[in-house]
Amino acid sequence: MESVKMVEVTRSGEIESFHQGVAVLINSSGEILKEWGNSEKLIYPRSALKPIQSLNLYKNGVAKGLNISDEYIALTTASHHSESFHQKMIMEWLEKINLSEDNLCCGHDWPWNLEDKFEAKNNYKKKRRIFHNCSGKHCGHLAVSQFKDLPIENYNQNNHPIQKELINLIENLSHSKVNNIGIDGCTLPNPLISIKKFAYAMAQFGDYNKLNENSDIAKRIFESCVKFPELTGGTNSINCALTKLSKRRIFFKNGAEGVFVAIIPEQKSALVVKIDDGASRAAEVAIAGLISELKIIDDEKLHKFKKISVKNSTDQTIGYLNFSLI
């Protein structure tokens, strides 16, 4: 079976629509522990790739050389909501490295949350690059390019040394060849890779001891993200909420087009889900439902993420998004 039904959407007690997807749980030895659908399916991991992108940036002692704090390491992995504290950190980071938001290759955007968006419109009247959810990752690219005396111009291009190193790292972690490289929403390269191989790469990332000289920085990236989950998403983001529920045992990271990953170091494994139609609402429900099967997080606490209310314009609950694995 190529895909399985993972999420049902009900209205007034009847199924109105549903979302199908593929998921796999794999360990750092490459053993598939659980599979839902065909995990050979090729995907772009999108922002779920950010932990590995951060590993690529800060490996080989770069984080120590930059004297970068855990908070900024967490921000590098973020798909942040551009709340006021995110904005402050981005501006301070650019100031610290004597660059401006014009040096960021990500596009202009508005903050994620409506209240922050209204405030930004009132204060600035226009979209800004610092508001982009990937601006933390881009600040990391600028800082590392500067530290390594590499060009800061076109750091987002496939032929830039940082991006070449990234593809090599992905190939090494996944034990597979990257044949196609797409362009992410934030302009950085994003490899086409099977769900299984992406999960395997993430499981390798979570099994720190396998990374030899880069084991310490991989562990630090994970610990930074679970220590400051609001920085990696937002105060009310699903990845932040689920990471908190795990009591720092799992780092959850979302990506665009219905991708979600859970990195589980204590089990030396990773869980990846991809929703076929790209719906983030379904990926959020699916990752919560699938992780509940591992019995790491209390299922009662996960229930509100596995069954989310659908409301109408008067805030009346008229249905649900249900985890429904078939």
C-alpha atoms as a PDB file:
ATOM      1  CA  MET A   1       0.000   0.000   0.000  1.00  0.00           C
ATOM      2  CA  GLU A   2       1.509   3.325  -1.070  1.00  0.00           C
ATOM      3  CA  SER A   3      -0.305   5.471   1.521  1.00  0.00           C
ATOM      4  CA  VAL A   4      -2.634   4.965   4.470  1.00  0.00           C
ATOM      5  CA  LYS A   5      -5.461   7.070   5.825  1.00  0.00           C
ATOM      6  CA  MET A   6      -4.191   8.889   8.889  1.00  0.00           C
ATOM      7  CA  VAL A   7      -6.589  11.731   9.649  1.00  0.00           C
ATOM      8  CA  GLU A   8     -10.350  12.118   9.303  1.00  0.00           C
ATOM      9  CA  VAL A   9     -12.172  15.439   9.300  1.00  0.00           C
ATOM     10  CA  THR A  10     -15.731  15.273  10.624  1.00  0.00           C
ATOM     11  CA  ARG A  11     -18.596  17.742  10.532  1.00  0.00           C
ATOM     12  CA  SER A  12     -21.772  17.195  12.506  1.00  0.00           C
ATOM     13  CA  GLY A  13     -20.820  13.586  13.144  1.00  0.00           C
ATOM     14  CA  GLU A  14     -20.080  12.683   9.524  1.00  0.00           C
ATOM     15  CA  ILE A  15     -16.743  12.314   7.727  1.00  0.00           C
ATOM     16  CA  GLU A  16     -16.320  15.313   5.448  1.00  0.00           C
ATOM     17  CA  SER A  17     -12.789  14.623   4.234  1.00  0.00           C
ATOM     18  CA  PHE A  18      -9.651  12.705   5.109  1.00  0.00           C
ATOM     19  CA  HIS A  19      -5.882  12.861   4.701  1.00  0.00           C
ATOM     20  CA  GLN A  20      -3.592  10.039   3.641  1.00  0.00           C
ATOM     21  CA  GLY A  21       0.117   9.767   4.211  1.00  0.00           C
ATOM     22  CA  VAL A  22       3.210   7.700   4.772  1.00  0.00           C
ATOM     23  CA  ALA A  23       5.292   7.326   7.921  1.00  0.00           C
ATOM     24  CA  VAL A  24       8.237   5.308   9.173  1.00  0.00           C
ATOM     25  CA  LEU A  25      10.036   4.737  12.453  1.00  0.00           C
ATOM     26  CA  ILE A  26      13.646   3.682  11.927  1.00  0.00           C
ATOM     27  CA  ASN A  27      16.668   3.264  14.161  1.00  0.00           C
ATOM     28  CA  SER A  28      20.265   4.342  13.666  1.00  0.00           C
ATOM     29  CA  SER A  29      21.206   0.876  12.414  1.00  0.00           C
ATOM     30  CA  GLY A  30      18.792   1.286   9.517  1.00  0.00           C
ATOM     31  CA  GLU A  31      16.227  -1.155  10.902  1.00  0.00           C
ATOM     32  CA  ILE A  32      12.622  -0.238  10.161  1.00  0.00           C
ATOM     33  CA  LEU A  33      10.752  -0.579  13.446  1.00  0.00           C
ATOM     34  CA  LYS A  34       7.346   0.452  12.097  1.00  0.00           C
ATOM     35  CA  GLU A  35       6.123   1.503   8.672  1.00  0.00           C
ATOM     36  CA  TRP A  36       2.834   2.937   7.523  1.00  0.00           C
ATOM     37  CA  GLY A  37       2.593   2.943   3.729  1.00  0.00           C
ATOM     38  CA  ASN A  38       5.573   2.851   1.395  1.00  0.00           C
ATOM     39  CA  SER A  39       8.521   4.688   2.968  1.00  0.00           C
ATOM     40  CA  GLU A  40      10.443   4.562  -0.319  1.00  0.00           C
ATOM     41  CA  LYS A  41       8.324   7.558  -1.357  1.00  0.00           C
ATOM     42  CA  LEU A  42      10.491  10.532  -2.318  1.00  0.00           C
ATOM     43  CA  ILE A  43       9.943  13.828  -0.521  1.00  0.00           C
ATOM     44  CA  TYR A  44      11.506  17.201   0.065  1.00  0.00           C
ATOM     45  CA  PRO A  45      11.972  17.321   3.860  1.00  0.00           C
ATOM     46  CA  ARG A  46      11.595  21.101   3.836  1.00  0.00           C
ATOM     47  CA  SER A  47      12.118  22.666   7.276  1.00  0.00           C
ATOM     48  CA  ALA A  48      12.150  19.283   8.991  1.00  0.00           C
ATOM     49  CA  LEU A  49      15.718  19.162   7.651  1.00  0.00           C
ATOM     50  CA  LYS A  50      16.847  22.037   9.883  1.00  0.00           C
ATOM     51  CA  PRO A  51      18.477  19.963  12.651  1.00  0.00           C
ATOM     52  CA  ILE A  52      20.838  18.497  10.038  1.00  0.00           C
ATOM     53  CA  GLN A  53      21.359  21.898   8.437  1.00  0.00           C
ATOM     54  CA  SER A  54      22.348  23.181  11.877  1.00  0.00           C
ATOM     55  CA  LEU A  55      24.698  20.237  12.368  1.00  0.00           C
ATOM     56  CA  ASN A  56      26.326  21.109   9.065  1.00  0.00           C
ATOM     57  CA  LEU A  57      26.762  24.738  10.103  1.00  0.00           C
ATOM     58  CA  TYR A  58      28.185  24.109  13.564  1.00  0.00           C
ATOM     59  CA  LYS A  59      30.208  20.922  13.099  1.00  0.00           C
ATOM     60  CA  ASN A  60      33.987  20.737  13.410  1.00  0.00           C
ATOM     61  CA  GLY A  61      34.147  23.168  16.331  1.00  0.00           C
ATOM     62  CA  VAL A  62      32.431  26.082  14.576  1.00  0.00           C
ATOM     63  CA  ALA A  63      29.852  26.586  17.350  1.00  0.00           C
ATOM     64  CA  LYS A  64      32.644  26.865  19.911  1.00  0.00           C
ATOM     65  CA  GLY A  65      34.599  29.192  17.658  1.00  0.00           C
ATOM     66  CA  LEU A  66      31.588  31.441  17.219  1.00  0.00           C
ATOM     67  CA  ASN A  67      30.933  31.365  20.960  1.00  0.00           C
ATOM     68  CA  ILE A  68      27.283  30.853  20.091  1.00  0.00           C
ATOM     69  CA  SER A  69      24.732  30.306  22.878  1.00  0.00           C
ATOM     70  CA  ASP A  70      22.238  27.455  23.146  1.00  0.00           C
ATOM     71  CA  GLU A  71      19.414  29.891  22.458  1.00  0.00           C
ATOM     72  CA  TYR A  72      20.857  30.846  19.085  1.00  0.00           C
ATOM     73  CA  ILE A  73      21.529  27.220  18.228  1.00  0.00           C
ATOM     74  CA  ALA A  74      17.841  26.530  18.852  1.00  0.00           C
ATOM     75  CA  LEU A  75      16.884  29.553  16.740  1.00  0.00           C
ATOM     76  CA  THR A  76      18.974  28.198  13.859  1.00  0.00           C
ATOM     77  CA  THR A  77      16.680  25.140  13.699  1.00  0.00           C
ATOM     78  CA  ALA A  78      13.536  27.253  13.916  1.00  0.00           C
ATOM     79  CA  SER A  79      10.503  27.721  11.774  1.00  0.00           C
ATOM     80  CA  HIS A  80       9.707  30.534  14.159  1.00  0.00           C
ATOM     81  CA  HIS A  81       6.482  32.502  14.385  1.00  0.00           C
ATOM     82  CA  SER A  82       8.287  35.854  14.520  1.00  0.00           C
ATOM     83  CA  GLU A  83       6.983  36.755  17.931  1.00  0.00           C
ATOM     84  CA  SER A  84       8.628  39.779  19.564  1.00  0.00           C
ATOM     85  CA  PHE A  85      11.363  37.686  21.208  1.00  0.00           C
ATOM     86  CA  HIS A  86      12.185  36.027  17.867  1.00  0.00           C
ATOM     87  CA  GLN A  87      12.426  39.406  16.161  1.00  0.00           C
ATOM     88  CA  LYS A  88      14.666  40.759  18.912  1.00  0.00           C
ATOM     89  CA  MET A  89      17.050  37.816  18.658  1.00  0.00           C
ATOM     90  CA  ILE A  90      17.296  38.055  14.864  1.00  0.00           C
ATOM     91  CA  MET A  91      18.064  41.777  14.967  1.00  0.00           C
ATOM     92  CA  GLU A  92      20.621  41.322  17.754  1.00  0.00           C
ATOM     93  CA  TRP A  93      22.305  38.485  15.846  1.00  0.00           C
ATOM     94  CA  LEU A  94      22.640  40.561  12.681  1.00  0.00           C
ATOM     95  CA  GLU A  95      23.982  43.480  14.692  1.00  0.00           C
ATOM     96  CA  LYS A  96      26.510  41.208  16.401  1.00  0.00           C
ATOM     97  CA  ILE A  97      27.965  40.105  13.055  1.00  0.00           C
ATOM     98  CA  ASN A  98      27.786  43.641  11.601  1.00  0.00           C
ATOM     99  CA  LEU A  99      25.299  42.732   8.876  1.00  0.00           C
ATOM    100  CA  SER A 100      21.754  43.797   8.077  1.00  0.00           C
ATOM    101  CA  GLU A 101      18.571  42.054   7.060  1.00  0.00           C
ATOM    102  CA  ASP A 102      19.416  42.977   3.459  1.00  0.00           C
ATOM    103  CA  ASN A 103      22.095  40.282   3.659  1.00  0.00           C
ATOM    104  CA  LEU A 104      19.470  37.611   4.376  1.00  0.00           C
ATOM    105  CA  CYS A 105      18.519  35.574   1.317  1.00  0.00           C
ATOM    106  CA  CYS A 106      15.117  34.584   2.681  1.00  0.00           C
ATOM    107  CA  GLY A 107      12.139  36.532   1.398  1.00  0.00           C
ATOM    108  CA  HIS A 108      10.066  39.230   3.046  1.00  0.00           C
ATOM    109  CA  ASP A 109       7.179  38.027   5.188  1.00  0.00           C
ATOM    110  CA  TRP A 110       4.780  38.886   7.991  1.00  0.00           C
ATOM    111  CA  PRO A 111       4.833  37.351  11.485  1.00  0.00           C
ATOM    112  CA  TRP A 112       2.855  34.126  11.855  1.00  0.00           C
ATOM    113  CA  ASN A 113       0.370  35.093  14.582  1.00  0.00           C
ATOM    114  CA  LEU A 114      -2.383  37.581  13.807  1.00  0.00           C
ATOM    115  CA  GLU A 115      -1.649  39.874  16.744  1.00  0.00           C
ATOM    116  CA  ASP A 116       2.050  40.058  15.876  1.00  0.00           C
ATOM    117  CA  LYS A 117       1.157  40.619  12.220  1.00  0.00           C
ATOM    118  CA  PHE A 118      -1.085  43.585  13.074  1.00  0.00           C
ATOM    119  CA  GLU A 119       1.645  45.061  15.275  1.00  0.00           C
ATOM    120  CA  ALA A 120       4.251  44.635  12.521  1.00  0.00           C
ATOM    121  CA  LYS A 121       1.951  46.253   9.957  1.00  0.00           C
ATOM    122  CA  ASN A 122       1.326  49.153  12.304  1.00  0.00           C
ATOM    123  CA  ASN A 123       5.029  49.644  13.092  1.00  0.00           C
ATOM    124  CA  TYR A 124       6.680  48.935   9.739  1.00  0.00           C
ATOM    125  CA  LYS A 125       3.896  49.082   7.101  1.00  0.00           C
ATOM    126  CA  LYS A 126       5.619  46.368   5.080  1.00  0.00           C
ATOM    127  CA  LYS A 127       6.921  42.812   5.170  1.00  0.00           C
ATOM    128  CA  ARG A 128      10.473  42.265   6.394  1.00  0.00           C
ATOM    129  CA  ARG A 129      13.073  39.539   6.032  1.00  0.00           C
ATOM    130  CA  ILE A 130      13.536  39.315   9.800  1.00  0.00           C
ATOM    131  CA  PHE A 131       9.897  38.174  10.026  1.00  0.00           C
ATOM    132  CA  HIS A 132      10.524  35.175   7.790  1.00  0.00           C
ATOM    133  CA  ASN A 133      10.169  31.921   9.728  1.00  0.00           C
ATOM    134  CA  CYS A 134      13.565  30.730   8.437  1.00  0.00           C
ATOM    135  CA  SER A 135      15.492  33.915   9.269  1.00  0.00           C
ATOM    136  CA  GLY A 136      17.239  32.222  12.213  1.00  0.00           C
ATOM    137  CA  LYS A 137      18.685  29.569   9.927  1.00  0.00           C
ATOM    138  CA  HIS A 138      19.772  32.251   7.494  1.00  0.00           C
ATOM    139  CA  CYS A 139      21.489  34.217  10.269  1.00  0.00           C
ATOM    140  CA  GLY A 140      23.368  31.028  11.073  1.00  0.00           C
ATOM    141  CA  HIS A 141      24.499  30.747   7.460  1.00  0.00           C
ATOM    142  CA  LEU A 142      25.739  34.332   7.478  1.00  0.00           C
ATOM    143  CA  ALA A 143      27.571  33.921  10.782  1.00  0.00           C
ATOM    144  CA  VAL A 144      29.278  30.708   9.712  1.00  0.00           C
ATOM    145  CA  SER A 145      30.195  32.047   6.259  1.00  0.00           C
ATOM    146  CA  GLN A 146      31.776  35.046   7.930  1.00  0.00           C
ATOM    147  CA  PHE A 147      33.593  32.867  10.489  1.00  0.00           C
ATOM    148  CA  LYS A 148      34.995  30.588   7.776  1.00  0.00           C
ATOM    149  CA  ASP A 149      35.889  33.529   5.536  1.00  0.00           C
ATOM    150  CA  LEU A 150      33.479  32.317   2.877  1.00  0.00           C
ATOM    151  CA  PRO A 151      31.381  34.591   0.645  1.00  0.00           C
ATOM    152  CA  ILE A 152      28.257  35.846   2.361  1.00  0.00           C
ATOM    153  CA  GLU A 153      26.755  36.643  -1.028  1.00  0.00           C
ATOM    154  CA  ASN A 154      24.827  33.771  -2.574  1.00  0.00           C
ATOM    155  CA  TYR A 155      25.266  31.551   0.482  1.00  0.00           C
ATOM    156  CA  ASN A 156      21.946  29.989  -0.567  1.00  0.00           C
ATOM    157  CA  GLN A 157      23.231  28.683  -3.903  1.00  0.00           C
ATOM    158  CA  ASN A 158      23.973  24.997  -4.526  1.00  0.00           C
ATOM    159  CA  ASN A 159      27.602  25.751  -5.413  1.00  0.00           C
ATOM    160  CA  HIS A 160      28.358  27.584  -2.155  1.00  0.00           C
ATOM    161  CA  PRO A 161      30.760  25.571   0.045  1.00  0.00           C
ATOM    162  CA  ILE A 162      28.258  25.398   2.906  1.00  0.00           C
ATOM    163  CA  GLN A 163      25.571  23.900   0.647  1.00  0.00           C
ATOM    164  CA  LYS A 164      28.015  21.439  -0.909  1.00  0.00           C
ATOM    165  CA  GLU A 165      28.989  20.316   2.599  1.00  0.00           C
ATOM    166  CA  LEU A 166      25.324  19.954   3.505  1.00  0.00           C
ATOM    167  CA  ILE A 167      24.578  17.572   0.648  1.00  0.00           C
ATOM    168  CA  ASN A 168      27.675  15.532   1.511  1.00  0.00           C
ATOM    169  CA  LEU A 169      26.542  15.331   5.131  1.00  0.00           C
ATOM    170  CA  ILE A 170      23.027  14.226   4.151  1.00  0.00           C
ATOM    171  CA  GLU A 171      24.458  11.548   1.881  1.00  0.00           C
ATOM    172  CA  ASN A 172      26.744  10.320   4.657  1.00  0.00           C
ATOM    173  CA  LEU A 173      23.991  10.231   7.281  1.00  0.00           C
ATOM    174  CA  SER A 174      21.404   8.638   5.002  1.00  0.00           C
ATOM    175  CA  HIS A 175      23.815   6.262   3.217  1.00  0.00           C
ATOM    176  CA  SER A 176      22.219   7.314  -0.068  1.00  0.00           C
ATOM    177  CA  LYS A 177      22.987   9.499  -3.057  1.00  0.00           C
ATOM    178  CA  VAL A 178      21.153  12.794  -3.523  1.00  0.00           C
ATOM    179  CA  ASN A 179      20.328  13.051  -7.218  1.00  0.00           C
ATOM    180  CA  ASN A 180      17.932  15.985  -7.175  1.00  0.00           C
ATOM    181  CA  ILE A 181      18.077  19.189  -5.185  1.00  0.00           C
ATOM    182  CA  GLY A 182      15.021  21.400  -4.939  1.00  0.00           C
ATOM    183  CA  ILE A 183      14.748  25.021  -3.813  1.00  0.00           C
ATOM    184  CA  ASP A 184      13.048  25.529  -0.470  1.00  0.00           C
ATOM    185  CA  GLY A 185      10.546  28.288   0.264  1.00  0.00           C
ATOM    186  CA  CYS A 186      13.312  30.281   1.940  1.00  0.00           C
ATOM    187  CA  THR A 187      15.605  29.858  -1.138  1.00  0.00           C
ATOM    188  CA  LEU A 188      18.022  27.318   0.396  1.00  0.00           C
ATOM    189  CA  PRO A 189      18.690  23.948  -1.277  1.00  0.00           C
ATOM    190  CA  ASN A 190      16.475  21.049  -0.178  1.00  0.00           C
ATOM    191  CA  PRO A 191      17.286  17.478  -1.289  1.00  0.00           C
ATOM    192  CA  LEU A 192      14.827  15.002  -2.752  1.00  0.00           C
ATOM    193  CA  ILE A 193      15.141  11.912  -0.558  1.00  0.00           C
ATOM    194  CA  SER A 194      13.025   8.929   0.414  1.00  0.00           C
ATOM    195  CA  ILE A 195      11.082   9.106   3.669  1.00  0.00           C
ATOM    196  CA  LYS A 196      12.990   6.044   4.869  1.00  0.00           C
ATOM    197  CA  LYS A 197      16.406   7.528   4.146  1.00  0.00           C
ATOM    198  CA  PHE A 198      15.478  10.867   5.680  1.00  0.00           C
ATOM    199  CA  ALA A 199      14.302   9.127   8.854  1.00  0.00           C
ATOM    200  CA  TYR A 200      17.532   7.113   8.863  1.00  0.00           C
ATOM    201  CA  ALA A 201      19.597  10.308   8.629  1.00  0.00           C
ATOM    202  CA  MET A 202      17.640  11.788  11.530  1.00  0.00           C
ATOM    203  CA  ALA A 203      18.092   8.607  13.574  1.00  0.00           C
ATOM    204  CA  GLN A 204      21.838   8.870  12.942  1.00  0.00           C
ATOM    205  CA  PHE A 205      21.691  12.480  14.137  1.00  0.00           C
ATOM    206  CA  GLY A 206      19.973  11.317  17.345  1.00  0.00           C
ATOM    207  CA  ASP A 207      22.510   8.564  18.013  1.00  0.00           C
ATOM    208  CA  TYR A 208      25.261  11.002  18.946  1.00  0.00           C
ATOM    209  CA  ASN A 209      28.029   8.474  19.474  1.00  0.00           C
ATOM    210  CA  LYS A 210      27.855   7.442  15.820  1.00  0.00           C
ATOM    211  CA  LEU A 211      28.922  10.913  14.708  1.00  0.00           C
ATOM    212  CA  ASN A 212      32.463  10.699  16.098  1.00  0.00           C
ATOM    213  CA  GLU A 213      34.008  14.190  16.186  1.00  0.00           C
ATOM    214  CA  ASN A 214      30.590  15.764  15.643  1.00  0.00           C
ATOM    215  CA  SER A 215      28.828  13.856  18.425  1.00  0.00           C
ATOM    216  CA  ASP A 216      29.094  16.697  20.950  1.00  0.00           C
ATOM    217  CA  ILE A 217      27.565  19.311  18.667  1.00  0.00           C
ATOM    218  CA  ALA A 218      24.739  16.996  17.585  1.00  0.00           C
ATOM    219  CA  LYS A 219      23.901  16.384  21.233  1.00  0.00           C
ATOM    220  CA  ARG A 220      24.091  20.113  21.961  1.00  0.00           C
ATOM    221  CA  ILE A 221      21.761  20.958  19.069  1.00  0.00           C
ATOM    222  CA  PHE A 222      19.197  18.466  20.332  1.00  0.00           C
ATOM    223  CA  GLU A 223      19.493  19.648  23.939  1.00  0.00           C
ATOM    224  CA  SER A 224      19.250  23.308  22.892  1.00  0.00           C
ATOM    225  CA  CYS A 225      16.063  22.622  20.938  1.00  0.00           C
ATOM    226  CA  VAL A 226      14.319  20.719  23.726  1.00  0.00           C
ATOM    227  CA  LYS A 227      15.464  23.298  26.280  1.00  0.00           C
ATOM    228  CA  PHE A 228      14.094  26.246  24.259  1.00  0.00           C
ATOM    229  CA  PRO A 229      11.219  24.798  22.183  1.00  0.00           C
ATOM    230  CA  GLU A 230       9.487  28.196  21.887  1.00  0.00           C
ATOM    231  CA  LEU A 231      12.481  29.407  19.897  1.00  0.00           C
ATOM    232  CA  THR A 232      12.176  26.536  17.414  1.00  0.00           C
ATOM    233  CA  GLY A 233       8.552  27.325  16.602  1.00  0.00           C
ATOM    234  CA  GLY A 234       6.381  29.583  18.681  1.00  0.00           C
ATOM    235  CA  THR A 235       4.699  29.908  22.036  1.00  0.00           C
ATOM    236  CA  ASN A 236       1.637  28.062  20.738  1.00  0.00           C
ATOM    237  CA  SER A 237       3.224  25.953  18.010  1.00  0.00           C
ATOM    238  CA  ILE A 238       2.511  22.235  17.865  1.00  0.00           C
ATOM    239  CA  ASN A 239       6.181  21.276  17.665  1.00  0.00           C
ATOM    240  CA  CYS A 240       6.850  23.300  20.826  1.00  0.00           C
ATOM    241  CA  ALA A 241       3.888  21.787  22.682  1.00  0.00           C
ATOM    242  CA  LEU A 242       4.786  18.202  21.767  1.00  0.00           C
ATOM    243  CA  THR A 243       8.467  18.699  22.631  1.00  0.00           C
ATOM    244  CA  LYS A 244       7.431  20.013  26.045  1.00  0.00           C
ATOM    245  CA  LEU A 245       5.099  17.060  26.581  1.00  0.00           C
ATOM    246  CA  SER A 246       8.000  14.685  25.980  1.00  0.00           C
ATOM    247  CA  LYS A 247       9.896  16.277  28.875  1.00  0.00           C
ATOM    248  CA  ARG A 248      12.912  16.929  26.626  1.00  0.00           C
ATOM    249  CA  ARG A 249      13.083  13.304  25.459  1.00  0.00           C
ATOM    250  CA  ILE A 250      11.941  14.045  21.878  1.00  0.00           C
ATOM    251  CA  PHE A 251      12.479  16.961  19.532  1.00  0.00           C
ATOM    252  CA  PHE A 252       9.573  17.494  17.158  1.00  0.00           C
ATOM    253  CA  LYS A 253      10.218  19.528  14.009  1.00  0.00           C
ATOM    254  CA  ASN A 254       7.694  20.424  11.346  1.00  0.00           C
ATOM    255  CA  GLY A 255       8.286  21.124   7.686  1.00  0.00           C
ATOM    256  CA  ALA A 256       6.135  22.579   4.929  1.00  0.00           C
ATOM    257  CA  GLU A 257       3.867  20.419   2.766  1.00  0.00           C
ATOM    258  CA  GLY A 258       2.849  18.036   5.540  1.00  0.00           C
ATOM    259  CA  VAL A 259       6.238  16.828   6.796  1.00  0.00           C
ATOM    260  CA  PHE A 260       6.956  16.211  10.485  1.00  0.00           C
ATOM    261  CA  VAL A 261       9.870  14.510  12.246  1.00  0.00           C
ATOM    262  CA  ALA A 262      10.383  13.323  15.806  1.00  0.00           C
ATOM    263  CA  ILE A 263      13.995  12.691  16.899  1.00  0.00           C
ATOM    264  CA  ILE A 264      14.195  10.192  19.778  1.00  0.00           C
ATOM    265  CA  PRO A 265      17.787   9.835  21.072  1.00  0.00           C
ATOM    266  CA  GLU A 266      16.962   7.474  23.949  1.00  0.00           C
ATOM    267  CA  GLN A 267      15.667   4.971  21.396  1.00  0.00           C
ATOM    268  CA  LYS A 268      18.304   5.927  18.796  1.00  0.00           C
ATOM    269  CA  SER A 269      15.478   6.360  16.318  1.00  0.00           C
ATOM    270  CA  ALA A 270      13.458   8.881  14.355  1.00  0.00           C
ATOM    271  CA  LEU A 271       9.852   9.013  13.205  1.00  0.00           C
ATOM    272  CA  VAL A 272       8.952  10.811   9.980  1.00  0.00           C
ATOM    273  CA  VAL A 273       5.491  11.440   8.553  1.00  0.00           C
ATOM    274  CA  LYS A 274       4.538  12.953   5.195  1.00  0.00           C
ATOM    275  CA  ILE A 275       0.924  13.808   4.372  1.00  0.00           C
ATOM    276  CA  ASP A 276       0.195  13.253   0.684  1.00  0.00           C
ATOM    277  CA  ASP A 277      -1.794  16.427   0.102  1.00  0.00           C
ATOM    278  CA  GLY A 278       0.676  18.593   2.040  1.00  0.00           C
ATOM    279  CA  ALA A 279      -1.783  19.637   4.766  1.00  0.00           C
ATOM    280  CA  SER A 280       0.033  20.813   7.877  1.00  0.00           C
ATOM    281  CA  ARG A 281      -3.121  20.388   9.960  1.00  0.00           C
ATOM    282  CA  ALA A 282      -3.068  16.674   9.174  1.00  0.00           C
ATOM    283  CA  ALA A 283       0.671  16.297   9.796  1.00  0.00           C
ATOM    284  CA  GLU A 284       0.271  17.804  13.269  1.00  0.00           C
ATOM    285  CA  VAL A 285      -2.471  15.328  14.168  1.00  0.00           C
ATOM    286  CA  ALA A 286      -0.666  12.396  12.551  1.00  0.00           C
ATOM    287  CA  ILE A 287       2.663  12.928  14.340  1.00  0.00           C
ATOM    288  CA  ALA A 288       0.832  13.114  17.680  1.00  0.00           C
ATOM    289  CA  GLY A 289      -1.121   9.963  16.909  1.00  0.00           C
ATOM    290  CA  LEU A 290       1.882   8.017  15.681  1.00  0.00           C
ATOM    291  CA  ILE A 291       4.101   9.027  18.609  1.00  0.00           C
ATOM    292  CA  SER A 292       1.372   7.876  20.999  1.00  0.00           C
ATOM    293  CA  GLU A 293       1.924   4.331  19.747  1.00  0.00           C
ATOM    294  CA  LEU A 294       5.474   4.421  21.128  1.00  0.00           C
ATOM    295  CA  LYS A 295       4.232   4.972  24.702  1.00  0.00           C
ATOM    296  CA  ILE A 296       6.850   7.632  25.451  1.00  0.00           C
ATOM    297  CA  ILE A 297       4.313  10.380  26.181  1.00  0.00           C
ATOM    298  CA  ASP A 298       1.206   9.847  28.311  1.00  0.00           C
ATOM    299  CA  ASP A 299      -1.619   9.183  25.854  1.00  0.00           C
ATOM    300  CA  GLU A 300      -4.083  11.225  27.906  1.00  0.00           C
ATOM    301  CA  LYS A 301      -1.877  14.287  27.445  1.00  0.00           C
ATOM    302  CA  LEU A 302      -1.637  13.604  23.714  1.00  0.00           C
ATOM    303  CA  HIS A 303      -5.387  13.231  23.266  1.00  0.00           C
ATOM    304  CA  LYS A 304      -6.062  16.924  22.552  1.00  0.00           C
ATOM    305  CA  PHE A 305      -3.476  16.806  19.742  1.00  0.00           C
ATOM    306  CA  LYS A 306      -4.902  13.609  18.257  1.00  0.00           C
ATOM    307  CA  LYS A 307      -8.437  15.020  18.231  1.00  0.00           C
ATOM    308  CA  ILE A 308      -8.622  18.729  17.422  1.00  0.00           C
ATOM    309  CA  SER A 309     -11.865  20.682  17.353  1.00  0.00           C
ATOM    310  CA  VAL A 310     -13.135  22.121  14.079  1.00  0.00           C
ATOM    311  CA  LYS A 311     -15.016  25.350  14.769  1.00  0.00           C
ATOM    312  CA  ASN A 312     -17.272  27.617  12.766  1.00  0.00           C
ATOM    313  CA  SER A 313     -17.249  31.415  12.640  1.00  0.00           C
ATOM    314  CA  THR A 314     -19.094  31.683  15.969  1.00  0.00           C
ATOM    315  CA  ASP A 315     -16.479  29.523  17.737  1.00  0.00           C
ATOM    316  CA  GLN A 316     -18.912  26.616  17.914  1.00  0.00           C
ATOM    317  CA  THR A 317     -17.344  23.154  17.747  1.00  0.00           C
ATOM    318  CA  ILE A 318     -18.948  21.397  14.778  1.00  0.00           C
ATOM    319  CA  GLY A 319     -16.476  18.580  14.130  1.00  0.00           C
ATOM    320  CA  TYR A 320     -13.007  17.224  14.671  1.00  0.00           C
ATOM    321  CA  LEU A 321      -9.680  16.424  13.098  1.00  0.00           C
ATOM    322  CA  ASN A 322      -9.190  12.830  14.276  1.00  0.00           C
ATOM    323  CA  PHE A 323      -6.142  10.608  14.157  1.00  0.00           C
ATOM    324  CA  SER A 324      -7.576   7.567  12.394  1.00  0.00           C
ATOM    325  CA  LEU A 325      -4.939   5.182  11.141  1.00  0.00           C
ATOM    326  CA  ILE A 326      -6.298   2.819   8.469  1.00  0.00           C
END
